[in-house]
N, C-alpha and C. Protein backbone atom coordinates (compact mmCIF):
# COMPACT_ATOMS: atom_id res chain seq x y z
N MET A 1 -29.46 25.25 56.83
CA MET A 1 -28.25 24.49 56.60
C MET A 1 -28.58 23.05 56.22
N SER A 2 -29.55 22.49 56.86
CA SER A 2 -29.94 21.12 56.60
C SER A 2 -30.51 20.96 55.19
N ARG A 3 -31.18 21.99 54.71
CA ARG A 3 -31.73 21.96 53.37
C ARG A 3 -30.62 21.93 52.31
N ARG A 4 -29.61 22.67 52.54
CA ARG A 4 -28.48 22.70 51.63
C ARG A 4 -27.78 21.34 51.58
N LYS A 5 -27.64 20.72 52.72
CA LYS A 5 -27.02 19.41 52.82
C LYS A 5 -27.83 18.38 52.04
N ASN A 6 -29.13 18.50 52.08
CA ASN A 6 -30.00 17.56 51.38
C ASN A 6 -29.85 17.68 49.87
N LYS A 7 -29.49 18.85 49.37
CA LYS A 7 -29.31 19.05 47.93
C LYS A 7 -27.95 18.58 47.45
N VAL A 8 -26.98 18.59 48.31
CA VAL A 8 -25.62 18.23 47.94
C VAL A 8 -25.51 16.72 47.63
N VAL A 9 -26.12 15.90 48.42
CA VAL A 9 -26.04 14.45 48.23
C VAL A 9 -26.62 14.03 46.87
N PRO A 10 -27.83 14.48 46.50
CA PRO A 10 -28.34 14.11 45.17
C PRO A 10 -27.46 14.66 44.04
N MET A 11 -26.85 15.82 44.22
CA MET A 11 -25.96 16.37 43.20
C MET A 11 -24.73 15.50 43.03
N ILE A 12 -24.18 15.05 44.12
CA ILE A 12 -23.00 14.19 44.06
C ILE A 12 -23.34 12.87 43.37
N ILE A 13 -24.48 12.32 43.70
CA ILE A 13 -24.91 11.07 43.07
C ILE A 13 -25.13 11.28 41.57
N THR A 14 -25.75 12.39 41.19
CA THR A 14 -25.99 12.70 39.78
C THR A 14 -24.68 12.85 39.03
N VAL A 15 -23.74 13.57 39.58
CA VAL A 15 -22.43 13.76 38.95
C VAL A 15 -21.72 12.41 38.82
N PHE A 16 -21.80 11.59 39.85
CA PHE A 16 -21.17 10.27 39.81
C PHE A 16 -21.77 9.41 38.69
N ILE A 17 -23.08 9.41 38.56
CA ILE A 17 -23.75 8.62 37.52
C ILE A 17 -23.34 9.12 36.15
N ILE A 18 -23.27 10.42 35.96
CA ILE A 18 -22.86 10.99 34.68
C ILE A 18 -21.42 10.58 34.34
N VAL A 19 -20.54 10.63 35.32
CA VAL A 19 -19.14 10.23 35.10
C VAL A 19 -19.07 8.74 34.71
N VAL A 20 -19.84 7.89 35.37
CA VAL A 20 -19.86 6.46 35.05
C VAL A 20 -20.37 6.24 33.64
N ILE A 21 -21.42 6.92 33.24
CA ILE A 21 -21.98 6.79 31.90
C ILE A 21 -20.96 7.23 30.85
N ILE A 22 -20.31 8.36 31.07
CA ILE A 22 -19.28 8.84 30.14
C ILE A 22 -18.14 7.84 30.05
N TYR A 23 -17.71 7.31 31.17
CA TYR A 23 -16.64 6.31 31.19
C TYR A 23 -17.03 5.08 30.36
N LEU A 24 -18.25 4.61 30.53
CA LEU A 24 -18.70 3.44 29.79
C LEU A 24 -18.73 3.70 28.29
N PHE A 25 -19.20 4.87 27.87
CA PHE A 25 -19.22 5.19 26.44
C PHE A 25 -17.82 5.27 25.86
N VAL A 26 -16.90 5.83 26.60
CA VAL A 26 -15.54 5.98 26.10
C VAL A 26 -14.83 4.63 26.04
N HIS A 27 -15.10 3.76 26.97
CA HIS A 27 -14.35 2.51 27.06
C HIS A 27 -15.10 1.29 26.52
N LEU A 28 -16.27 1.49 25.97
CA LEU A 28 -16.95 0.36 25.36
C LEU A 28 -16.13 -0.16 24.19
N GLU A 29 -16.04 -1.45 24.08
CA GLU A 29 -15.26 -2.03 22.99
C GLU A 29 -16.01 -1.85 21.68
N GLN A 30 -15.29 -1.37 20.69
CA GLN A 30 -15.89 -1.19 19.38
C GLN A 30 -16.09 -2.57 18.76
N PRO A 31 -17.18 -2.74 18.02
CA PRO A 31 -17.41 -4.05 17.41
C PRO A 31 -16.34 -4.35 16.35
N TYR A 32 -15.89 -5.59 16.35
CA TYR A 32 -14.97 -5.98 15.29
C TYR A 32 -15.56 -7.19 14.59
N ILE A 33 -15.23 -7.30 13.34
CA ILE A 33 -15.76 -8.35 12.49
C ILE A 33 -14.57 -9.08 11.88
N GLU A 34 -14.65 -10.40 11.88
CA GLU A 34 -13.60 -11.20 11.24
C GLU A 34 -14.22 -11.98 10.09
N CYS A 35 -13.67 -11.78 8.91
CA CYS A 35 -14.15 -12.48 7.71
C CYS A 35 -12.97 -13.17 7.05
N SER A 36 -13.23 -14.35 6.49
CA SER A 36 -12.14 -15.09 5.85
C SER A 36 -12.63 -15.76 4.58
N ARG A 37 -11.68 -16.07 3.75
CA ARG A 37 -11.96 -16.74 2.48
C ARG A 37 -10.74 -17.56 2.11
N THR A 38 -10.97 -18.79 1.69
CA THR A 38 -9.89 -19.65 1.23
C THR A 38 -10.25 -20.17 -0.15
N THR A 39 -9.35 -19.98 -1.08
CA THR A 39 -9.57 -20.47 -2.45
C THR A 39 -8.34 -21.23 -2.90
N THR A 40 -8.57 -22.19 -3.79
CA THR A 40 -7.48 -22.93 -4.42
C THR A 40 -7.71 -22.84 -5.92
N ASN A 41 -6.70 -22.36 -6.64
CA ASN A 41 -6.88 -22.21 -8.10
C ASN A 41 -6.57 -23.51 -8.82
N ASP A 42 -6.67 -23.49 -10.14
CA ASP A 42 -6.50 -24.71 -10.94
C ASP A 42 -5.08 -25.26 -10.95
N ILE A 43 -4.08 -24.48 -10.56
CA ILE A 43 -2.71 -25.03 -10.49
C ILE A 43 -2.34 -25.41 -9.06
N GLY A 44 -3.31 -25.32 -8.14
CA GLY A 44 -3.11 -25.82 -6.78
C GLY A 44 -2.64 -24.81 -5.75
N ILE A 45 -2.53 -23.55 -6.11
CA ILE A 45 -2.10 -22.54 -5.14
C ILE A 45 -3.28 -22.15 -4.28
N GLN A 46 -3.06 -22.20 -2.99
CA GLN A 46 -4.12 -21.86 -2.04
C GLN A 46 -3.90 -20.45 -1.52
N LEU A 47 -4.96 -19.64 -1.50
CA LEU A 47 -4.90 -18.28 -0.97
C LEU A 47 -5.90 -18.17 0.16
N GLN A 48 -5.38 -17.83 1.34
CA GLN A 48 -6.24 -17.61 2.50
C GLN A 48 -6.19 -16.12 2.83
N GLU A 49 -7.37 -15.51 2.93
CA GLU A 49 -7.46 -14.11 3.32
C GLU A 49 -8.29 -14.03 4.60
N VAL A 50 -7.75 -13.36 5.60
CA VAL A 50 -8.47 -13.13 6.85
C VAL A 50 -8.46 -11.63 7.10
N LEU A 51 -9.65 -11.05 7.17
CA LEU A 51 -9.78 -9.61 7.41
C LEU A 51 -10.45 -9.40 8.76
N VAL A 52 -9.80 -8.61 9.60
CA VAL A 52 -10.40 -8.20 10.86
C VAL A 52 -10.61 -6.70 10.76
N ALA A 53 -11.88 -6.29 10.85
CA ALA A 53 -12.22 -4.87 10.73
C ALA A 53 -12.89 -4.41 12.02
N GLN A 54 -12.54 -3.21 12.42
CA GLN A 54 -13.14 -2.62 13.61
C GLN A 54 -14.02 -1.45 13.16
N LEU A 55 -15.26 -1.45 13.64
CA LEU A 55 -16.20 -0.39 13.29
C LEU A 55 -16.38 0.54 14.48
N ASP A 56 -16.52 1.81 14.18
CA ASP A 56 -16.79 2.81 15.20
C ASP A 56 -17.86 3.74 14.65
N ASN A 57 -18.98 3.81 15.32
CA ASN A 57 -20.12 4.63 14.87
C ASN A 57 -20.50 4.30 13.42
N ASN A 58 -20.57 3.00 13.12
CA ASN A 58 -20.95 2.50 11.79
C ASN A 58 -20.02 2.98 10.68
N ARG A 59 -18.76 3.13 11.01
CA ARG A 59 -17.74 3.46 10.01
C ARG A 59 -16.54 2.55 10.26
N ILE A 60 -15.87 2.18 9.16
CA ILE A 60 -14.67 1.36 9.30
C ILE A 60 -13.58 2.22 9.94
N ASP A 61 -13.07 1.75 11.05
CA ASP A 61 -12.08 2.52 11.82
C ASP A 61 -10.67 1.96 11.66
N ASP A 62 -10.58 0.64 11.48
CA ASP A 62 -9.27 -0.01 11.47
C ASP A 62 -9.45 -1.38 10.81
N MET A 63 -8.47 -1.82 10.03
CA MET A 63 -8.53 -3.15 9.41
C MET A 63 -7.15 -3.79 9.43
N GLU A 64 -7.16 -5.10 9.55
CA GLU A 64 -5.93 -5.86 9.40
C GLU A 64 -6.23 -7.05 8.49
N LEU A 65 -5.49 -7.14 7.41
CA LEU A 65 -5.67 -8.22 6.43
C LEU A 65 -4.45 -9.12 6.49
N THR A 66 -4.70 -10.41 6.64
CA THR A 66 -3.62 -11.40 6.59
C THR A 66 -3.86 -12.27 5.37
N ARG A 67 -2.91 -12.24 4.46
CA ARG A 67 -2.98 -13.05 3.24
C ARG A 67 -1.90 -14.12 3.32
N THR A 68 -2.33 -15.36 3.14
CA THR A 68 -1.39 -16.47 3.15
C THR A 68 -1.46 -17.17 1.80
N ILE A 69 -0.34 -17.22 1.12
CA ILE A 69 -0.24 -17.89 -0.18
C ILE A 69 0.51 -19.19 0.07
N ILE A 70 -0.15 -20.31 -0.22
CA ILE A 70 0.45 -21.63 0.04
C ILE A 70 0.71 -22.32 -1.30
N LEU A 71 1.98 -22.67 -1.51
CA LEU A 71 2.38 -23.32 -2.76
C LEU A 71 2.08 -24.83 -2.70
N PRO A 72 1.65 -25.40 -3.82
CA PRO A 72 1.49 -26.86 -3.87
C PRO A 72 2.85 -27.54 -4.01
N ASP A 73 2.87 -28.83 -3.83
CA ASP A 73 4.11 -29.61 -3.88
C ASP A 73 4.89 -29.40 -5.18
N ALA A 74 4.21 -29.20 -6.28
CA ALA A 74 4.88 -29.06 -7.59
C ALA A 74 5.83 -27.87 -7.64
N TYR A 75 5.65 -26.89 -6.77
CA TYR A 75 6.49 -25.68 -6.80
C TYR A 75 7.46 -25.60 -5.62
N LEU A 76 7.49 -26.61 -4.79
CA LEU A 76 8.33 -26.54 -3.58
C LEU A 76 9.83 -26.64 -3.87
N ASN A 77 10.23 -27.28 -4.98
CA ASN A 77 11.65 -27.38 -5.30
C ASN A 77 12.28 -26.01 -5.51
N ASP A 78 11.50 -25.07 -6.00
CA ASP A 78 12.00 -23.72 -6.27
C ASP A 78 11.21 -22.68 -5.48
N SER A 79 10.75 -23.08 -4.31
CA SER A 79 9.84 -22.23 -3.53
C SER A 79 10.46 -20.90 -3.12
N ASP A 80 11.75 -20.88 -2.80
CA ASP A 80 12.38 -19.61 -2.39
C ASP A 80 12.27 -18.56 -3.49
N ARG A 81 12.55 -18.96 -4.71
CA ARG A 81 12.49 -18.03 -5.84
C ARG A 81 11.05 -17.53 -6.05
N TYR A 82 10.09 -18.46 -6.01
CA TYR A 82 8.69 -18.08 -6.23
C TYR A 82 8.18 -17.18 -5.10
N LEU A 83 8.50 -17.54 -3.88
CA LEU A 83 8.03 -16.73 -2.74
C LEU A 83 8.68 -15.35 -2.73
N ASP A 84 9.97 -15.29 -3.09
CA ASP A 84 10.65 -13.98 -3.17
C ASP A 84 10.00 -13.11 -4.25
N SER A 85 9.67 -13.71 -5.37
CA SER A 85 9.04 -12.97 -6.46
C SER A 85 7.66 -12.46 -6.06
N MET A 86 6.89 -13.30 -5.39
CA MET A 86 5.56 -12.89 -4.92
C MET A 86 5.67 -11.78 -3.88
N GLU A 87 6.62 -11.93 -2.97
CA GLU A 87 6.81 -10.89 -1.95
C GLU A 87 7.14 -9.56 -2.60
N SER A 88 8.01 -9.59 -3.58
CA SER A 88 8.40 -8.37 -4.27
C SER A 88 7.19 -7.73 -4.98
N SER A 89 6.38 -8.54 -5.64
CA SER A 89 5.18 -8.01 -6.32
C SER A 89 4.19 -7.42 -5.33
N LEU A 90 3.95 -8.12 -4.23
CA LEU A 90 3.01 -7.62 -3.22
C LEU A 90 3.54 -6.35 -2.55
N GLU A 91 4.83 -6.36 -2.25
CA GLU A 91 5.47 -5.20 -1.63
C GLU A 91 5.29 -3.96 -2.51
N GLU A 92 5.49 -4.14 -3.79
CA GLU A 92 5.32 -3.02 -4.73
C GLU A 92 3.87 -2.56 -4.79
N SER A 93 2.94 -3.50 -4.74
CA SER A 93 1.52 -3.11 -4.84
C SER A 93 1.02 -2.42 -3.56
N TYR A 94 1.70 -2.63 -2.44
CA TYR A 94 1.28 -2.01 -1.18
C TYR A 94 2.10 -0.77 -0.82
N GLN A 95 2.91 -0.26 -1.73
CA GLN A 95 3.74 0.91 -1.44
C GLN A 95 2.90 2.12 -1.04
N TYR A 96 1.69 2.22 -1.56
CA TYR A 96 0.84 3.37 -1.26
C TYR A 96 0.46 3.44 0.22
N LEU A 97 0.62 2.35 0.95
CA LEU A 97 0.26 2.34 2.37
C LEU A 97 1.33 2.96 3.26
N GLY A 98 2.51 3.11 2.77
CA GLY A 98 3.57 3.69 3.59
C GLY A 98 4.35 2.63 4.34
N LYS A 99 5.34 3.12 5.10
CA LYS A 99 6.25 2.22 5.81
C LYS A 99 5.56 1.57 7.01
N ASN A 100 6.03 0.39 7.35
CA ASN A 100 5.61 -0.36 8.52
C ASN A 100 4.13 -0.75 8.51
N LYS A 101 3.48 -0.74 7.36
CA LYS A 101 2.08 -1.15 7.26
C LYS A 101 1.95 -2.60 6.82
N VAL A 102 3.02 -3.13 6.21
CA VAL A 102 2.98 -4.50 5.68
C VAL A 102 4.18 -5.27 6.22
N GLN A 103 3.91 -6.45 6.77
CA GLN A 103 4.98 -7.34 7.22
C GLN A 103 4.84 -8.66 6.48
N PHE A 104 5.97 -9.19 6.05
CA PHE A 104 5.99 -10.47 5.35
C PHE A 104 6.71 -11.52 6.18
N THR A 105 6.18 -12.73 6.11
CA THR A 105 6.81 -13.88 6.76
C THR A 105 6.83 -15.00 5.73
N LYS A 106 8.00 -15.63 5.58
CA LYS A 106 8.12 -16.74 4.65
C LYS A 106 8.37 -18.02 5.42
N ARG A 107 7.69 -19.05 4.99
CA ARG A 107 7.95 -20.39 5.50
C ARG A 107 8.27 -21.25 4.30
N GLU A 108 8.54 -22.50 4.52
CA GLU A 108 8.97 -23.40 3.44
C GLU A 108 8.02 -23.39 2.24
N ASP A 109 6.73 -23.42 2.50
CA ASP A 109 5.76 -23.54 1.40
C ASP A 109 4.78 -22.37 1.31
N ARG A 110 5.04 -21.29 2.05
CA ARG A 110 4.05 -20.21 2.07
C ARG A 110 4.65 -18.84 2.32
N LEU A 111 3.88 -17.85 1.88
CA LEU A 111 4.20 -16.45 2.13
C LEU A 111 3.01 -15.85 2.86
N ILE A 112 3.28 -15.19 3.98
CA ILE A 112 2.23 -14.57 4.78
C ILE A 112 2.47 -13.07 4.77
N ALA A 113 1.46 -12.32 4.33
CA ALA A 113 1.52 -10.86 4.33
C ALA A 113 0.47 -10.35 5.31
N THR A 114 0.91 -9.54 6.26
CA THR A 114 0.00 -8.93 7.22
C THR A 114 -0.02 -7.44 6.93
N ILE A 115 -1.21 -6.93 6.59
CA ILE A 115 -1.36 -5.54 6.17
C ILE A 115 -2.25 -4.83 7.17
N HIS A 116 -1.75 -3.73 7.72
CA HIS A 116 -2.53 -2.95 8.69
C HIS A 116 -2.99 -1.65 8.03
N ILE A 117 -4.30 -1.44 8.03
CA ILE A 117 -4.89 -0.26 7.40
C ILE A 117 -5.59 0.53 8.49
N SER A 118 -5.12 1.76 8.75
CA SER A 118 -5.72 2.53 9.83
C SER A 118 -5.95 4.00 9.48
N ASP A 119 -5.20 4.52 8.55
CA ASP A 119 -5.37 5.92 8.18
C ASP A 119 -6.41 5.99 7.07
N ASP A 120 -6.44 7.06 6.35
CA ASP A 120 -7.39 7.23 5.26
C ASP A 120 -6.93 6.40 4.07
N GLU A 121 -6.98 5.06 4.22
CA GLU A 121 -6.40 4.16 3.23
C GLU A 121 -7.45 3.17 2.72
N THR A 122 -7.14 2.59 1.57
CA THR A 122 -8.02 1.64 0.91
C THR A 122 -7.31 0.30 0.79
N ILE A 123 -8.08 -0.78 0.89
CA ILE A 123 -7.52 -2.11 0.67
C ILE A 123 -8.43 -2.84 -0.32
N ILE A 124 -7.81 -3.64 -1.18
CA ILE A 124 -8.57 -4.41 -2.17
C ILE A 124 -8.42 -5.89 -1.83
N LEU A 125 -9.54 -6.57 -1.72
CA LEU A 125 -9.56 -8.00 -1.44
C LEU A 125 -9.89 -8.76 -2.72
N ASN A 126 -9.55 -10.03 -2.73
CA ASN A 126 -9.90 -10.90 -3.84
C ASN A 126 -9.31 -10.38 -5.16
N ASN A 127 -8.10 -9.86 -5.11
CA ASN A 127 -7.51 -9.27 -6.32
C ASN A 127 -6.21 -9.93 -6.78
N LEU A 128 -5.94 -11.13 -6.28
CA LEU A 128 -4.73 -11.85 -6.68
C LEU A 128 -5.09 -13.03 -7.56
N GLU A 129 -4.33 -13.19 -8.63
CA GLU A 129 -4.53 -14.32 -9.52
C GLU A 129 -3.17 -14.93 -9.82
N PHE A 130 -3.08 -16.23 -9.75
CA PHE A 130 -1.82 -16.93 -9.97
C PHE A 130 -1.93 -17.76 -11.25
N PHE A 131 -0.84 -17.81 -12.00
CA PHE A 131 -0.81 -18.63 -13.19
C PHE A 131 0.62 -19.09 -13.46
N ASP A 132 0.71 -20.16 -14.22
CA ASP A 132 2.01 -20.73 -14.57
C ASP A 132 2.28 -20.45 -16.04
N ASN A 133 3.24 -19.57 -16.27
CA ASN A 133 3.64 -19.20 -17.62
C ASN A 133 5.13 -19.51 -17.73
N ASN A 134 5.44 -20.82 -17.76
CA ASN A 134 6.83 -21.29 -17.68
C ASN A 134 7.50 -20.78 -16.41
N GLY A 135 6.76 -20.81 -15.35
CA GLY A 135 7.18 -20.33 -14.04
C GLY A 135 5.99 -19.68 -13.37
N LEU A 136 5.96 -19.73 -12.09
CA LEU A 136 4.83 -19.21 -11.33
C LEU A 136 4.81 -17.69 -11.32
N GLU A 137 3.66 -17.10 -11.59
CA GLU A 137 3.52 -15.65 -11.61
C GLU A 137 2.25 -15.25 -10.87
N VAL A 138 2.26 -14.04 -10.35
CA VAL A 138 1.08 -13.49 -9.68
C VAL A 138 0.65 -12.23 -10.43
N GLU A 139 -0.65 -12.11 -10.64
CA GLU A 139 -1.19 -10.91 -11.26
C GLU A 139 -2.06 -10.22 -10.20
N ILE A 140 -1.84 -8.93 -10.01
CA ILE A 140 -2.56 -8.17 -8.99
C ILE A 140 -3.48 -7.17 -9.69
N ASN A 141 -4.77 -7.26 -9.40
CA ASN A 141 -5.75 -6.36 -9.99
C ASN A 141 -5.84 -5.11 -9.10
N PRO A 142 -5.32 -3.96 -9.54
CA PRO A 142 -5.34 -2.76 -8.72
C PRO A 142 -6.60 -1.90 -8.93
N ASN A 143 -7.53 -2.36 -9.78
CA ASN A 143 -8.71 -1.58 -10.14
C ASN A 143 -9.73 -1.59 -9.00
N THR A 144 -9.84 -0.49 -8.29
CA THR A 144 -10.76 -0.41 -7.15
C THR A 144 -12.22 -0.40 -7.59
N LYS A 145 -12.49 -0.16 -8.85
CA LYS A 145 -13.86 -0.10 -9.36
C LYS A 145 -14.31 -1.41 -9.99
N SER A 146 -13.43 -2.39 -10.07
CA SER A 146 -13.74 -3.66 -10.70
C SER A 146 -14.80 -4.41 -9.88
N SER A 147 -15.72 -5.07 -10.59
CA SER A 147 -16.75 -5.85 -9.91
C SER A 147 -16.20 -7.18 -9.40
N GLU A 148 -14.99 -7.52 -9.80
CA GLU A 148 -14.37 -8.79 -9.40
C GLU A 148 -13.65 -8.70 -8.06
N VAL A 149 -13.49 -7.51 -7.52
CA VAL A 149 -12.76 -7.32 -6.27
C VAL A 149 -13.66 -6.68 -5.22
N VAL A 150 -13.19 -6.72 -3.98
CA VAL A 150 -13.87 -6.05 -2.87
C VAL A 150 -12.96 -4.91 -2.43
N THR A 151 -13.48 -3.68 -2.47
CA THR A 151 -12.70 -2.51 -2.08
C THR A 151 -13.27 -1.95 -0.78
N LEU A 152 -12.41 -1.78 0.22
CA LEU A 152 -12.82 -1.22 1.51
C LEU A 152 -11.89 -0.07 1.86
N LYS A 153 -12.46 0.97 2.44
CA LYS A 153 -11.68 2.15 2.78
C LYS A 153 -12.00 2.56 4.21
N ILE A 154 -10.99 3.00 4.91
CA ILE A 154 -11.20 3.53 6.26
C ILE A 154 -12.20 4.69 6.15
N GLY A 155 -13.19 4.66 7.01
CA GLY A 155 -14.21 5.70 7.01
C GLY A 155 -15.46 5.33 6.23
N ASP A 156 -15.40 4.22 5.43
CA ASP A 156 -16.60 3.78 4.73
C ASP A 156 -17.70 3.48 5.74
N SER A 157 -18.92 3.80 5.37
CA SER A 157 -20.07 3.65 6.27
C SER A 157 -20.72 2.28 6.09
N TYR A 158 -20.70 1.48 7.16
CA TYR A 158 -21.33 0.16 7.19
C TYR A 158 -21.82 -0.10 8.61
N THR A 159 -23.01 -0.68 8.72
CA THR A 159 -23.37 -1.27 10.00
C THR A 159 -22.68 -2.62 10.05
N GLU A 160 -22.68 -3.24 11.19
CA GLU A 160 -22.05 -4.55 11.32
C GLU A 160 -22.67 -5.55 10.34
N GLY A 161 -23.99 -5.55 10.25
CA GLY A 161 -24.70 -6.46 9.36
C GLY A 161 -24.42 -6.17 7.89
N GLU A 162 -24.40 -4.90 7.51
CA GLU A 162 -24.12 -4.53 6.12
C GLU A 162 -22.71 -4.96 5.72
N PHE A 163 -21.76 -4.77 6.62
CA PHE A 163 -20.38 -5.14 6.34
C PHE A 163 -20.28 -6.65 6.11
N MET A 164 -20.87 -7.41 7.00
CA MET A 164 -20.82 -8.87 6.89
C MET A 164 -21.53 -9.34 5.63
N THR A 165 -22.66 -8.76 5.30
CA THR A 165 -23.40 -9.14 4.10
C THR A 165 -22.59 -8.83 2.84
N HIS A 166 -21.95 -7.66 2.82
CA HIS A 166 -21.12 -7.26 1.68
C HIS A 166 -20.03 -8.29 1.43
N LEU A 167 -19.36 -8.71 2.48
CA LEU A 167 -18.28 -9.67 2.32
C LEU A 167 -18.82 -11.08 2.04
N LYS A 168 -19.91 -11.47 2.69
CA LYS A 168 -20.51 -12.79 2.42
C LYS A 168 -20.93 -12.90 0.97
N ASN A 169 -21.45 -11.81 0.41
CA ASN A 169 -21.86 -11.82 -1.01
C ASN A 169 -20.67 -11.98 -1.95
N ASN A 170 -19.47 -11.80 -1.44
CA ASN A 170 -18.25 -11.95 -2.23
C ASN A 170 -17.44 -13.18 -1.84
N GLY A 171 -18.11 -14.14 -1.19
CA GLY A 171 -17.48 -15.43 -0.91
C GLY A 171 -16.75 -15.55 0.42
N TYR A 172 -16.89 -14.58 1.30
CA TYR A 172 -16.22 -14.62 2.60
C TYR A 172 -17.15 -15.20 3.65
N VAL A 173 -16.57 -15.78 4.68
CA VAL A 173 -17.31 -16.28 5.83
C VAL A 173 -17.00 -15.34 6.97
N CYS A 174 -18.04 -14.78 7.60
CA CYS A 174 -17.83 -13.79 8.66
C CYS A 174 -18.36 -14.28 10.00
N LYS A 175 -17.71 -13.80 11.05
CA LYS A 175 -18.18 -14.10 12.42
C LYS A 175 -18.00 -12.89 13.29
């Protein structure tokens, strides 16, 4: 009887250690990377892009992109019209993401678009161009194969370092 008792204690300890290890693997925080880029074009429009990506097993698992378009003083007199037009263009370009994936916020001089990408979806960065053609206009490059844009898709394979290098090589600052 005493021999059996001696085997039970090590078994309980072993099972406990295995449960703790499994718990730690399941609840370990997945690495996330935050990259940003701010550009100002020749007519003074500032575009800030902030991408937060979560990696799981060296694959992109989830992304959130916040794009802020800031108008210069020259366009503030008619900012509502310009911001409404930009929102409409962006809304149309993000229709492929489905409902509740994009939220827009307007302030006096800016439009903020928050885009959540979590399913088998693709997002294109660095694809907005603004120009004044007797009024402010935005051109959106939808070409995912263009060398001028950064294309990321849920499930793409990247280590943390590869992801950061990819974005740094395209003008983003990552942390």
